[in-house]
Amino acid sequence: MDYAYGADGNYTLMNLIQMVVVYAFIIAAALSAIFIFVGGISFILSGGNDEKIKQAVNTIRYAIIGLIVSILSFTFIVIIGRMFGMDLMAYISFESITNLINKILSPSDDEMNLDSL
């Protein structure tokens, strides 16, 4: 059975909450990585300007701090979630993420029936 679905094939409230938590942390980590990259590019393109270098270093520093906070808070949430019977790690599989994207992007049968009217 796929962890993302309830017994009837639909999402349960607990599954939706777990998915939102997991994907929020994935987005936070991805944004931190993007800002590290942007800070690195800014540092390279600073041209020796002390103000631009300082700004780039601050961007990298705060992005790394954000990444560390994201990882630590996700670890804390996983530990607390296991105490309450939540399996957050089940949502971090490639198959689970692609199934969610396909379900969101593909129209449901009800929507298709309404369009044909």
Protein backbone atom coordinates (compact mmCIF):
# COMPACT_ATOMS: atom_id res chain seq x y z
CA MET A 1 0.00 0.00 0.00
CA ASP A 2 1.27 3.46 -0.87
CA TYR A 3 1.81 5.54 2.27
CA ALA A 4 0.37 8.68 0.70
CA TYR A 5 -3.15 7.32 0.28
CA GLY A 6 -5.86 6.23 2.65
CA ALA A 7 -7.71 2.93 2.34
CA ASP A 8 -10.14 4.38 -0.21
CA GLY A 9 -7.40 5.81 -2.44
CA ASN A 10 -7.81 9.40 -1.23
CA TYR A 11 -5.57 11.39 1.04
CA THR A 12 -6.39 11.44 4.74
CA LEU A 13 -5.94 14.56 6.86
CA MET A 14 -2.95 13.05 8.65
CA ASN A 15 -1.32 12.15 5.32
CA LEU A 16 -1.86 15.67 4.00
CA ILE A 17 -0.32 17.19 7.13
CA GLN A 18 2.67 14.87 6.86
CA MET A 19 3.13 15.69 3.17
CA VAL A 20 2.96 19.44 3.81
CA VAL A 21 5.58 19.17 6.56
CA VAL A 22 7.93 17.06 4.45
CA TYR A 23 7.60 19.17 1.30
CA ALA A 24 8.00 22.40 3.28
CA PHE A 25 11.33 21.12 4.56
CA ILE A 26 12.37 20.02 1.07
CA ILE A 27 11.54 23.48 -0.28
CA ALA A 28 13.43 25.16 2.60
CA ALA A 29 16.52 23.04 1.95
CA ALA A 30 16.32 23.68 -1.80
CA LEU A 31 16.02 27.43 -1.25
CA SER A 32 19.03 27.35 1.07
CA ALA A 33 21.06 25.55 -1.59
CA ILE A 34 19.94 28.04 -4.23
CA PHE A 35 20.96 30.98 -2.03
CA ILE A 36 24.35 29.39 -1.38
CA PHE A 37 24.79 29.17 -5.15
CA VAL A 38 23.60 32.78 -5.66
CA GLY A 39 25.95 33.99 -2.92
CA GLY A 40 28.84 32.14 -4.57
CA ILE A 41 28.07 33.69 -7.94
CA SER A 42 27.79 37.13 -6.32
CA PHE A 43 31.14 36.56 -4.61
CA ILE A 44 32.77 35.61 -7.91
CA LEU A 45 31.27 38.60 -9.71
CA SER A 46 32.05 41.09 -6.94
CA GLY A 47 35.12 42.34 -8.75
CA GLY A 48 36.99 43.09 -5.53
CA ASN A 49 34.36 45.51 -4.25
CA ASP A 50 34.42 45.13 -0.47
CA GLU A 51 30.72 45.94 -0.05
CA LYS A 52 29.67 43.32 -2.63
CA ILE A 53 31.99 40.72 -1.10
CA LYS A 54 30.54 41.40 2.34
CA GLN A 55 27.00 41.08 0.98
CA ALA A 56 27.85 37.80 -0.83
CA VAL A 57 29.51 36.33 2.27
CA ASN A 58 26.46 37.28 4.36
CA THR A 59 24.17 35.61 1.80
CA ILE A 60 26.22 32.42 1.95
CA ARG A 61 26.45 32.54 5.75
CA TYR A 62 22.71 32.98 6.26
CA ALA A 63 21.90 30.33 3.65
CA ILE A 64 24.14 27.83 5.44
CA ILE A 65 22.54 28.75 8.77
CA GLY A 66 19.12 28.25 7.17
CA LEU A 67 20.16 24.86 5.80
CA ILE A 68 21.46 23.75 9.20
CA VAL A 69 18.26 24.94 10.92
CA SER A 70 16.18 23.11 8.30
CA ILE A 71 18.08 19.86 8.79
CA LEU A 72 17.98 20.07 12.58
CA SER A 73 14.30 20.96 12.69
CA PHE A 74 13.44 18.16 10.25
CA THR A 75 15.36 15.71 12.42
CA PHE A 76 13.47 16.96 15.47
CA ILE A 77 10.12 16.69 13.66
CA VAL A 78 10.91 13.13 12.50
CA ILE A 79 11.78 12.09 16.06
CA ILE A 80 8.61 13.68 17.48
CA GLY A 81 6.57 12.25 14.59
CA ARG A 82 7.76 8.73 15.34
CA MET A 83 6.57 9.16 18.92
CA PHE A 84 3.10 9.87 17.55
CA GLY A 85 3.18 7.14 14.90
CA MET A 86 3.86 9.36 11.88
CA ASP A 87 6.19 8.05 9.16
CA LEU A 88 7.49 11.24 7.54
CA MET A 89 10.34 9.46 5.78
CA ALA A 90 7.84 7.56 3.63
CA TYR A 91 7.14 10.77 1.71
CA ILE A 92 10.76 11.37 0.69
CA SER A 93 10.88 8.78 -2.03
CA PHE A 94 11.06 9.65 -5.70
CA GLU A 95 8.01 7.50 -6.40
CA SER A 96 5.90 9.22 -3.75
CA ILE A 97 6.83 12.68 -5.02
CA THR A 98 6.12 11.79 -8.67
CA ASN A 99 2.79 10.21 -7.70
CA LEU A 100 1.80 13.41 -5.91
CA ILE A 101 2.82 15.57 -8.88
CA ASN A 102 0.89 13.33 -11.29
CA LYS A 103 -2.19 13.39 -9.07
CA ILE A 104 -2.06 17.19 -8.84
CA LEU A 105 -1.41 17.78 -12.54
CA SER A 106 -3.76 15.19 -14.02
CA PRO A 107 -7.45 16.12 -14.05
CA SER A 108 -9.72 13.89 -12.03
CA ASP A 109 -12.64 11.98 -13.55
CA ASP A 110 -15.13 14.47 -12.08
CA GLU A 111 -13.36 17.41 -13.71
CA MET A 112 -13.26 15.60 -17.06
CA ASN A 113 -17.00 14.87 -16.86
CA LEU A 114 -17.74 18.54 -16.12
CA ASP A 115 -15.62 19.66 -19.07
CA SER A 116 -17.52 17.45 -21.48
CA LEU A 117 -20.86 19.11 -20.58
